[in-house]
PDB file of N, CA and C in Angstrom:
ATOM      1  N   MET A   1     -85.824-235.491 180.917  1.00  0.00           N
ATOM      2  CA  MET A   1     -87.506-235.008 180.478  1.00  0.00           C
ATOM      3  C   MET A   1     -87.799-233.416 180.269  1.00  0.00           C
ATOM      4  N   ASP A   2     -87.160-232.838 181.081  1.00  0.00           N
ATOM      5  CA  ASP A   2     -86.947-231.338 181.173  1.00  0.00           C
ATOM      6  C   ASP A   2     -85.869-230.371 180.357  1.00  0.00           C
ATOM      7  N   ASN A   3     -84.779-231.344 180.527  1.00  0.00           N
ATOM      8  CA  ASN A   3     -84.371-230.190 179.126  1.00  0.00           C
ATOM      9  C   ASN A   3     -85.343-230.577 177.883  1.00  0.00           C
ATOM     10  N   ASP A   4     -85.856-231.640 177.695  1.00  0.00           N
ATOM     11  CA  ASP A   4     -86.496-231.664 176.184  1.00  0.00           C
ATOM     12  C   ASP A   4     -87.315-230.990 176.503  1.00  0.00           C
ATOM     13  N   ASN A   5     -88.002-230.053 177.677  1.00  0.00           N
ATOM     14  CA  ASN A   5     -89.260-230.102 177.099  1.00  0.00           C
ATOM     15  C   ASN A   5     -88.397-228.343 176.764  1.00  0.00           C
ATOM     16  N   LEU A   6     -87.217-227.948 177.201  1.00  0.00           N
ATOM     17  CA  LEU A   6     -86.500-227.006 177.193  1.00  0.00           C
ATOM     18  C   LEU A   6     -86.475-226.247 175.458  1.00  0.00           C
ATOM     19  N   LYS A   7     -85.880-227.444 175.162  1.00  0.00           N
ATOM     20  CA  LYS A   7     -85.436-227.650 174.446  1.00  0.00           C
ATOM     21  C   LYS A   7     -86.985-227.409 172.500  1.00  0.00           C
ATOM     22  N   GLU A   8     -87.756-228.041 172.580  1.00  0.00           N
ATOM     23  CA  GLU A   8     -89.288-227.491 172.323  1.00  0.00           C
ATOM     24  C   GLU A   8     -89.656-226.156 172.471  1.00  0.00           C
ATOM     25  N   THR A   9     -89.582-225.605 173.716  1.00  0.00           N
ATOM     26  CA  THR A   9     -90.622-224.499 173.460  1.00  0.00           C
ATOM     27  C   THR A   9     -89.545-223.402 173.948  1.00  0.00           C
ATOM     28  N   TRP A  10     -88.128-223.445 174.118  1.00  0.00           N
ATOM     29  CA  TRP A  10     -86.828-222.153 173.872  1.00  0.00           C
ATOM     30  C   TRP A  10     -87.396-221.235 173.005  1.00  0.00           C
ATOM     31  N   TRP A  11     -88.096-221.832 171.519  1.00  0.00           N
ATOM     32  CA  TRP A  11     -88.434-220.704 170.324  1.00  0.00           C
ATOM     33  C   TRP A  11     -89.661-220.001 170.717  1.00  0.00           C
ATOM     34  N   LYS A  12     -90.436-220.471 171.386  1.00  0.00           N
ATOM     35  CA  LYS A  12     -92.417-219.747 171.881  1.00  0.00           C
ATOM     36  C   LYS A  12     -91.653-218.525 172.962  1.00  0.00           C
ATOM     37  N   LEU A  13     -90.401-218.637 173.827  1.00  0.00           N
ATOM     38  CA  LEU A  13     -90.979-217.377 174.749  1.00  0.00           C
ATOM     39  C   LEU A  13     -89.517-216.316 173.909  1.00  0.00           C
ATOM     40  N   ALA A  14     -89.087-216.617 173.092  1.00  0.00           N
ATOM     41  CA  ALA A  14     -88.334-215.937 171.804  1.00  0.00           C
ATOM     42  C   ALA A  14     -88.983-215.016 171.016  1.00  0.00           C
ATOM     43  N   LEU A  15     -89.938-215.659 170.442  1.00  0.00           N
ATOM     44  CA  LEU A  15     -90.887-215.237 169.878  1.00  0.00           C
ATOM     45  C   LEU A  15     -92.122-214.367 170.317  1.00  0.00           C
ATOM     46  N   GLN A  16     -92.105-214.592 171.064  1.00  0.00           N
ATOM     47  CA  GLN A  16     -93.306-213.494 172.289  1.00  0.00           C
ATOM     48  C   GLN A  16     -91.976-212.473 173.049  1.00  0.00           C
ATOM     49  N   ILE A  17     -90.639-212.380 173.027  1.00  0.00           N
ATOM     50  CA  ILE A  17     -90.250-211.516 173.292  1.00  0.00           C
ATOM     51  C   ILE A  17     -89.739-210.105 171.689  1.00  0.00           C
ATOM     52  N   PHE A  18     -90.146-211.095 170.967  1.00  0.00           N
ATOM     53  CA  PHE A  18     -89.445-210.301 169.458  1.00  0.00           C
ATOM     54  C   PHE A  18     -91.160-209.874 169.426  1.00  0.00           C
ATOM     55  N   SER A  19     -92.061-210.015 169.550  1.00  0.00           N
ATOM     56  CA  SER A  19     -93.992-209.707 169.096  1.00  0.00           C
ATOM     57  C   SER A  19     -94.035-208.549 170.003  1.00  0.00           C
ATOM     58  N   GLN A  20     -92.909-208.160 171.328  1.00  0.00           N
ATOM     59  CA  GLN A  20     -93.454-207.437 172.099  1.00  0.00           C
ATOM     60  C   GLN A  20     -92.481-206.491 172.728  1.00  0.00           C
ATOM     61  N   VAL A  21     -91.292-206.801 171.969  1.00  0.00           N
ATOM     62  CA  VAL A  21     -90.663-205.564 171.273  1.00  0.00           C
ATOM     63  C   VAL A  21     -90.412-204.503 170.109  1.00  0.00           C
ATOM     64  N   SER A  22     -91.899-206.013 168.898  1.00  0.00           N
ATOM     65  CA  SER A  22     -92.039-204.961 168.191  1.00  0.00           C
ATOM     66  C   SER A  22     -92.328-204.610 168.223  1.00  0.00           C
ATOM     67  N   VAL A  23     -93.236-204.263 168.894  1.00  0.00           N
ATOM     68  CA  VAL A  23     -95.031-204.093 169.372  1.00  0.00           C
ATOM     69  C   VAL A  23     -94.605-202.174 169.557  1.00  0.00           C
ATOM     70  N   TRP A  24     -93.740-202.687 170.709  1.00  0.00           N
ATOM     71  CA  TRP A  24     -92.845-201.357 171.228  1.00  0.00           C
ATOM     72  C   TRP A  24     -92.442-200.107 170.466  1.00  0.00           C
ATOM     73  N   ILE A  25     -91.993-200.894 169.095  1.00  0.00           N
ATOM     74  CA  ILE A  25     -91.030-200.170 168.256  1.00  0.00           C
ATOM     75  C   ILE A  25     -91.989-199.019 166.796  1.00  0.00           C
ATOM     76  N   VAL A  26     -93.248-200.150 167.179  1.00  0.00           N
ATOM     77  CA  VAL A  26     -94.049-200.265 166.599  1.00  0.00           C
ATOM     78  C   VAL A  26     -95.569-198.688 165.896  1.00  0.00           C
ATOM     79  N   ALA A  27     -96.248-199.304 167.283  1.00  0.00           N
ATOM     80  CA  ALA A  27     -97.125-199.013 167.944  1.00  0.00           C
ATOM     81  C   ALA A  27     -97.209-196.915 167.851  1.00  0.00           C
ATOM     82  N   PRO A  28     -95.977-197.077 168.504  1.00  0.00           N
ATOM     83  CA  PRO A  28     -96.002-195.720 168.971  1.00  0.00           C
ATOM     84  C   PRO A  28     -95.442-194.153 168.066  1.00  0.00           C
ATOM     85  N   ILE A  29     -94.112-195.078 167.041  1.00  0.00           N
ATOM     86  CA  ILE A  29     -94.340-193.681 165.667  1.00  0.00           C
ATOM     87  C   ILE A  29     -95.569-194.016 164.875  1.00  0.00           C
ATOM     88  N   LEU A  30     -96.532-195.084 164.291  1.00  0.00           N
ATOM     89  CA  LEU A  30     -97.450-194.807 163.873  1.00  0.00           C
ATOM     90  C   LEU A  30     -98.612-194.441 164.263  1.00  0.00           C
ATOM     91  N   VAL A  31     -98.460-194.074 165.218  1.00  0.00           N
ATOM     92  CA  VAL A  31     -99.828-193.416 166.253  1.00  0.00           C
ATOM     93  C   VAL A  31     -98.948-191.464 166.208  1.00  0.00           C
ATOM     94  N   ALA A  32     -97.857-190.859 166.967  1.00  0.00           N
ATOM     95  CA  ALA A  32     -96.868-190.169 166.788  1.00  0.00           C
ATOM     96  C   ALA A  32     -96.968-189.122 164.395  1.00  0.00           C
ATOM     97  N   ILE A  33     -97.110-190.536 163.595  1.00  0.00           N
ATOM     98  CA  ILE A  33     -97.223-189.796 162.845  1.00  0.00           C
ATOM     99  C   ILE A  33     -98.448-189.337 162.474  1.00  0.00           C
ATOM    100  N   PHE A  34     -99.838-190.372 162.419  1.00  0.00           N
ATOM    101  CA  PHE A  34    -100.862-189.894 162.303  1.00  0.00           C
ATOM    102  C   PHE A  34    -101.044-189.290 162.803  1.00  0.00           C
ATOM    103  N   LEU A  35    -100.505-188.555 164.047  1.00  0.00           N
ATOM    104  CA  LEU A  35    -101.155-187.756 165.238  1.00  0.00           C
ATOM    105  C   LEU A  35    -100.711-186.502 165.152  1.00  0.00           C
ATOM    106  N   GLY A  36     -99.531-187.006 164.975  1.00  0.00           N
ATOM    107  CA  GLY A  36     -98.449-185.467 164.036  1.00  0.00           C
ATOM    108  C   GLY A  36     -98.617-184.971 162.571  1.00  0.00           C
ATOM    109  N   LYS A  37     -99.454-185.656 162.074  1.00  0.00           N
ATOM    110  CA  LYS A  37     -99.510-184.724 161.084  1.00  0.00           C
ATOM    111  C   LYS A  37    -100.914-184.010 160.548  1.00  0.00           C
ATOM    112  N   TYR A  38    -101.808-185.496 161.642  1.00  0.00           N
ATOM    113  CA  TYR A  38    -103.558-184.306 161.704  1.00  0.00           C
ATOM    114  C   TYR A  38    -103.344-183.231 162.468  1.00  0.00           C
ATOM    115  N   LEU A  39    -102.697-182.975 163.655  1.00  0.00           N
ATOM    116  CA  LEU A  39    -102.599-181.654 163.906  1.00  0.00           C
ATOM    117  C   LEU A  39    -101.579-180.760 163.766  1.00  0.00           C
ATOM    118  N   ASP A  40    -100.967-181.613 162.644  1.00  0.00           N
ATOM    119  CA  ASP A  40    -100.186-180.405 161.892  1.00  0.00           C
ATOM    120  C   ASP A  40    -100.998-179.783 160.695  1.00  0.00           C
ATOM    121  N   GLU A  41    -101.758-180.133 160.164  1.00  0.00           N
ATOM    122  CA  GLU A  41    -102.485-179.704 158.951  1.00  0.00           C
ATOM    123  C   GLU A  41    -103.792-178.770 159.740  1.00  0.00           C
ATOM    124  N   ARG A  42    -104.169-178.996 161.148  1.00  0.00           N
ATOM    125  CA  ARG A  42    -105.576-178.833 162.145  1.00  0.00           C
ATOM    126  C   ARG A  42    -104.480-176.934 162.392  1.00  0.00           C
ATOM    127  N   TYR A  43    -103.643-177.091 163.142  1.00  0.00           N
ATOM    128  CA  TYR A  43    -103.282-176.277 163.644  1.00  0.00           C
ATOM    129  C   TYR A  43    -102.285-175.349 162.536  1.00  0.00           C
ATOM    130  N   GLY A  44    -101.443-175.826 161.633  1.00  0.00           N
ATOM    131  CA  GLY A  44    -100.597-174.782 160.887  1.00  0.00           C
ATOM    132  C   GLY A  44     -99.910-174.614 161.145  1.00  0.00           C
ATOM    133  N   THR A  45     -98.982-175.929 162.655  1.00  0.00           N
ATOM    134  CA  THR A  45     -97.655-175.841 162.528  1.00  0.00           C
ATOM    135  C   THR A  45     -97.074-176.883 161.821  1.00  0.00           C
ATOM    136  N   ASN A  46     -97.034-176.907 159.814  1.00  0.00           N
ATOM    137  CA  ASN A  46     -96.150-178.217 160.028  1.00  0.00           C
ATOM    138  C   ASN A  46     -94.774-177.659 159.700  1.00  0.00           C
ATOM    139  N   PRO A  47     -93.370-178.252 160.620  1.00  0.00           N
ATOM    140  CA  PRO A  47     -93.837-180.124 160.767  1.00  0.00           C
ATOM    141  C   PRO A  47     -93.651-180.202 161.984  1.00  0.00           C
ATOM    142  N   TRP A  48     -93.802-178.866 162.777  1.00  0.00           N
ATOM    143  CA  TRP A  48     -93.020-179.182 164.572  1.00  0.00           C
ATOM    144  C   TRP A  48     -94.327-180.277 164.961  1.00  0.00           C
ATOM    145  N   LEU A  49     -95.028-180.471 165.590  1.00  0.00           N
ATOM    146  CA  LEU A  49     -95.910-181.866 166.498  1.00  0.00           C
ATOM    147  C   LEU A  49     -95.842-182.732 165.821  1.00  0.00           C
ATOM    148  N   PHE A  50     -95.557-183.020 164.430  1.00  0.00           N
ATOM    149  CA  PHE A  50     -95.180-183.558 164.231  1.00  0.00           C
ATOM    150  C   PHE A  50     -93.769-185.059 164.129  1.00  0.00           C
ATOM    151  N   LEU A  51     -93.063-183.532 164.560  1.00  0.00           N
ATOM    152  CA  LEU A  51     -91.670-184.167 164.820  1.00  0.00           C
ATOM    153  C   LEU A  51     -91.286-184.195 166.515  1.00  0.00           C
ATOM    154  N   ALA A  52     -92.371-183.669 166.840  1.00  0.00           N
ATOM    155  CA  ALA A  52     -92.094-183.893 168.428  1.00  0.00           C
ATOM    156  C   ALA A  52     -92.798-184.797 168.746  1.00  0.00           C
ATOM    157  N   LEU A  53     -94.038-186.049 167.917  1.00  0.00           N
ATOM    158  CA  LEU A  53     -95.062-186.405 168.500  1.00  0.00           C
ATOM    159  C   LEU A  53     -93.576-187.555 167.853  1.00  0.00           C
ATOM    160  N   THR A  54     -93.014-186.739 166.510  1.00  0.00           N
ATOM    161  CA  THR A  54     -92.146-188.333 166.648  1.00  0.00           C
ATOM    162  C   THR A  54     -90.744-189.154 167.692  1.00  0.00           C
ATOM    163  N   GLY A  55     -90.121-187.501 168.231  1.00  0.00           N
ATOM    164  CA  GLY A  55     -89.551-187.124 168.747  1.00  0.00           C
ATOM    165  C   GLY A  55     -90.021-188.203 170.248  1.00  0.00           C
ATOM    166  N   LEU A  56     -91.234-187.610 170.683  1.00  0.00           N
ATOM    167  CA  LEU A  56     -90.939-188.564 172.168  1.00  0.00           C
ATOM    168  C   LEU A  56     -91.544-189.899 172.266  1.00  0.00           C
ATOM    169  N   ALA A  57     -92.560-191.064 170.768  1.00  0.00           N
ATOM    170  CA  ALA A  57     -92.238-191.432 170.253  1.00  0.00           C
ATOM    171  C   ALA A  57     -91.561-192.448 170.537  1.00  0.00           C
ATOM    172  N   PHE A  58     -90.480-192.551 170.365  1.00  0.00           N
ATOM    173  CA  PHE A  58     -89.034-192.970 170.527  1.00  0.00           C
ATOM    174  C   PHE A  58     -88.243-193.157 171.776  1.00  0.00           C
ATOM    175  N   ILE A  59     -88.752-191.991 172.099  1.00  0.00           N
ATOM    176  CA  ILE A  59     -88.229-192.031 173.984  1.00  0.00           C
ATOM    177  C   ILE A  59     -89.048-192.826 174.235  1.00  0.00           C
ATOM    178  N   ILE A  60     -90.312-193.323 174.072  1.00  0.00           N
ATOM    179  CA  ILE A  60     -90.962-194.022 174.757  1.00  0.00           C
ATOM    180  C   ILE A  60     -90.962-195.558 173.653  1.00  0.00           C
ATOM    181  N   SER A  61     -91.001-195.585 173.677  1.00  0.00           N
ATOM    182  CA  SER A  61     -90.233-196.865 172.498  1.00  0.00           C
ATOM    183  C   SER A  61     -89.549-196.634 173.064  1.00  0.00           C
ATOM    184  N   SER A  62     -88.026-196.617 173.770  1.00  0.00           N
ATOM    185  CA  SER A  62     -87.605-196.763 173.867  1.00  0.00           C
ATOM    186  C   SER A  62     -87.371-197.520 176.106  1.00  0.00           C
ATOM    187  N   PHE A  63     -88.888-196.591 176.329  1.00  0.00           N
ATOM    188  CA  PHE A  63     -88.536-196.812 178.172  1.00  0.00           C
ATOM    189  C   PHE A  63     -89.398-198.180 177.564  1.00  0.00           C
ATOM    190  N   GLY A  64     -90.297-198.898 176.356  1.00  0.00           N
ATOM    191  CA  GLY A  64     -90.427-200.241 176.754  1.00  0.00           C
ATOM    192  C   GLY A  64     -89.863-201.265 176.134  1.00  0.00           C
ATOM    193  N   ILE A  65     -89.114-200.318 174.598  1.00  0.00           N
ATOM    194  CA  ILE A  65     -88.148-201.608 175.383  1.00  0.00           C
ATOM    195  C   ILE A  65     -87.068-201.886 175.871  1.00  0.00           C
ATOM    196  N   VAL A  66     -86.846-201.406 176.862  1.00  0.00           N
ATOM    197  CA  VAL A  66     -85.834-201.553 177.832  1.00  0.00           C
ATOM    198  C   VAL A  66     -86.529-202.509 178.977  1.00  0.00           C
ATOM    199  N   ARG A  67     -88.038-201.495 179.306  1.00  0.00           N
ATOM    200  CA  ARG A  67     -89.176-202.026 179.750  1.00  0.00           C
ATOM    201  C   ARG A  67     -89.326-203.649 180.343  1.00  0.00           C
ATOM    202  N   THR A  68     -90.242-204.074 178.740  1.00  0.00           N
ATOM    203  CA  THR A  68     -90.162-205.486 178.816  1.00  0.00           C
ATOM    204  C   THR A  68     -88.546-206.366 178.214  1.00  0.00           C
ATOM    205  N   VAL A  69     -87.369-206.032 177.808  1.00  0.00           N
ATOM    206  CA  VAL A  69     -85.790-206.496 177.529  1.00  0.00           C
ATOM    207  C   VAL A  69     -86.060-207.084 180.033  1.00  0.00           C
ATOM    208  N   THR A  70     -86.172-206.058 180.644  1.00  0.00           N
ATOM    209  CA  THR A  70     -85.095-205.723 181.768  1.00  0.00           C
ATOM    210  C   THR A  70     -86.763-207.163 181.728  1.00  0.00           C
ATOM    211  N   ARG A  71     -87.791-207.869 181.912  1.00  0.00           N
ATOM    212  CA  ARG A  71     -88.057-208.311 182.615  1.00  0.00           C
ATOM    213  C   ARG A  71     -88.099-209.689 182.180  1.00  0.00           C
ATOM    214  N   TYR A  72     -87.929-209.686 180.754  1.00  0.00           N
ATOM    215  CA  TYR A  72     -87.644-210.916 180.690  1.00  0.00           C
ATOM    216  C   TYR A  72     -86.574-211.450 181.038  1.00  0.00           C
ATOM    217  N   ILE A  73     -85.197-210.894 181.345  1.00  0.00           N
ATOM    218  CA  ILE A  73     -84.240-211.004 181.554  1.00  0.00           C
ATOM    219  C   ILE A  73     -84.334-211.639 183.195  1.00  0.00           C
ATOM    220  N   SER A  74     -85.055-210.646 183.578  1.00  0.00           N
ATOM    221  CA  SER A  74     -85.505-210.714 185.460  1.00  0.00           C
ATOM    222  C   SER A  74     -85.815-212.354 185.391  1.00  0.00           C
ATOM    223  N   ARG A  75     -86.901-212.576 184.759  1.00  0.00           N
ATOM    224  CA  ARG A  75     -87.472-214.092 184.701  1.00  0.00           C
ATOM    225  C   ARG A  75     -86.708-215.078 183.973  1.00  0.00           C
ATOM    226  N   LEU A  76     -85.799-214.802 183.082  1.00  0.00           N
ATOM    227  CA  LEU A  76     -84.983-215.970 182.924  1.00  0.00           C
ATOM    228  C   LEU A  76     -84.391-216.242 183.748  1.00  0.00           C
ATOM    229  N   GLU A  77     -83.292-214.419 184.374  1.00  0.00           N
ATOM    230  CA  GLU A  77     -82.924-215.283 185.763  1.00  0.00           C
ATOM    231  C   GLU A  77     -83.412-216.227 186.537  1.00  0.00           C
ATOM    232  N   LYS A  78     -84.718-215.629 187.139  1.00  0.00           N
ATOM    233  CA  LYS A  78     -85.377-216.331 188.780  1.00  0.00           C
ATOM    234  C   LYS A  78     -84.921-218.189 188.462  1.00  0.00           C
ATOM    235  N   GLU A  79     -85.468-218.654 186.946  1.00  0.00           N
ATOM    236  CA  GLU A  79     -86.206-219.704 185.851  1.00  0.00           C
ATOM    237  C   GLU A  79     -85.022-220.509 186.379  1.00  0.00           C
ATOM    238  N   GLN A  80     -83.793-219.703 185.796  1.00  0.00           N
ATOM    239  CA  GLN A  80     -82.409-219.998 186.243  1.00  0.00           C
ATOM    240  C   GLN A  80     -82.374-220.688 187.056  1.00  0.00           C
ATOM    241  N   ASN A  81     -82.483-219.883 188.361  1.00  0.00           N
ATOM    242  CA  ASN A  81     -82.023-219.623 189.635  1.00  0.00           C
ATOM    243  C   ASN A  81     -82.719-221.340 189.869  1.00  0.00           C
ATOM    244  N   GLY A  82     -83.458-221.404 190.095  1.00  0.00           N
ATOM    245  CA  GLY A  82     -84.351-221.858 190.407  1.00  0.00           C
ATOM    246  C   GLY A  82     -83.870-223.928 190.102  1.00  0.00           C
ATOM    247  N   LYS A  83     -83.301-223.996 188.604  1.00  0.00           N
ATOM    248  CA  LYS A  83     -82.855-224.585 188.133  1.00  0.00           C
ATOM    249  C   LYS A  83     -82.007-225.396 188.810  1.00  0.00           C
ATOM    250  N   THR A  84     -81.016-223.815 189.333  1.00  0.00           N
ATOM    251  CA  THR A  84     -79.833-224.532 189.981  1.00  0.00           C
ATOM    252  C   THR A  84     -79.987-225.181 191.737  1.00  0.00           C
ATOM    253  N   ASP A  85     -80.622-224.716 192.420  1.00  0.00           N
ATOM    254  CA  ASP A  85     -81.837-224.798 193.705  1.00  0.00           C
ATOM    255  C   ASP A  85     -81.708-225.836 192.913  1.00  0.00           C
ATOM    256  N   ARG A  86     -82.677-226.721 192.514  1.00  0.00           N
ATOM    257  CA  ARG A  86     -83.252-227.620 192.323  1.00  0.00           C
ATOM    258  C   ARG A  86     -82.202-229.402 192.481  1.00  0.00           C
ATOM    259  N   SER A  87     -80.536-228.740 192.055  1.00  0.00           N
ATOM    260  CA  SER A  87     -79.749-229.944 191.186  1.00  0.00           C
ATOM    261  C   SER A  87     -79.151-229.817 192.149  1.00  0.00           C
ATOM    262  N   LYS A  88     -79.131-228.999 192.960  1.00  0.00           N
ATOM    263  CA  LYS A  88     -78.190-228.937 194.027  1.00  0.00           C
ATOM    264  C   LYS A  88     -78.372-229.837 195.442  1.00  0.00           C
TER     265      LYS A  88
END
């Protein structure tokens, strides 16, 4: 029964991981694009603030993705270790 439950719900965890990683990719980049263009127009620094904020957004996205994936990997390892301990 436990194995059937796992087969039915594996895609939910995959969808959750995909969603969170996608947000880490899209959100910082969109904020950087709009904020960078606004600040460049306001201060006449075209395109330097836009480029700097886009680079910063890339770094933030990278750290966020690594953090999210690492968290899920450790969660899956704990679940896997718990299942192997129970089966002994």
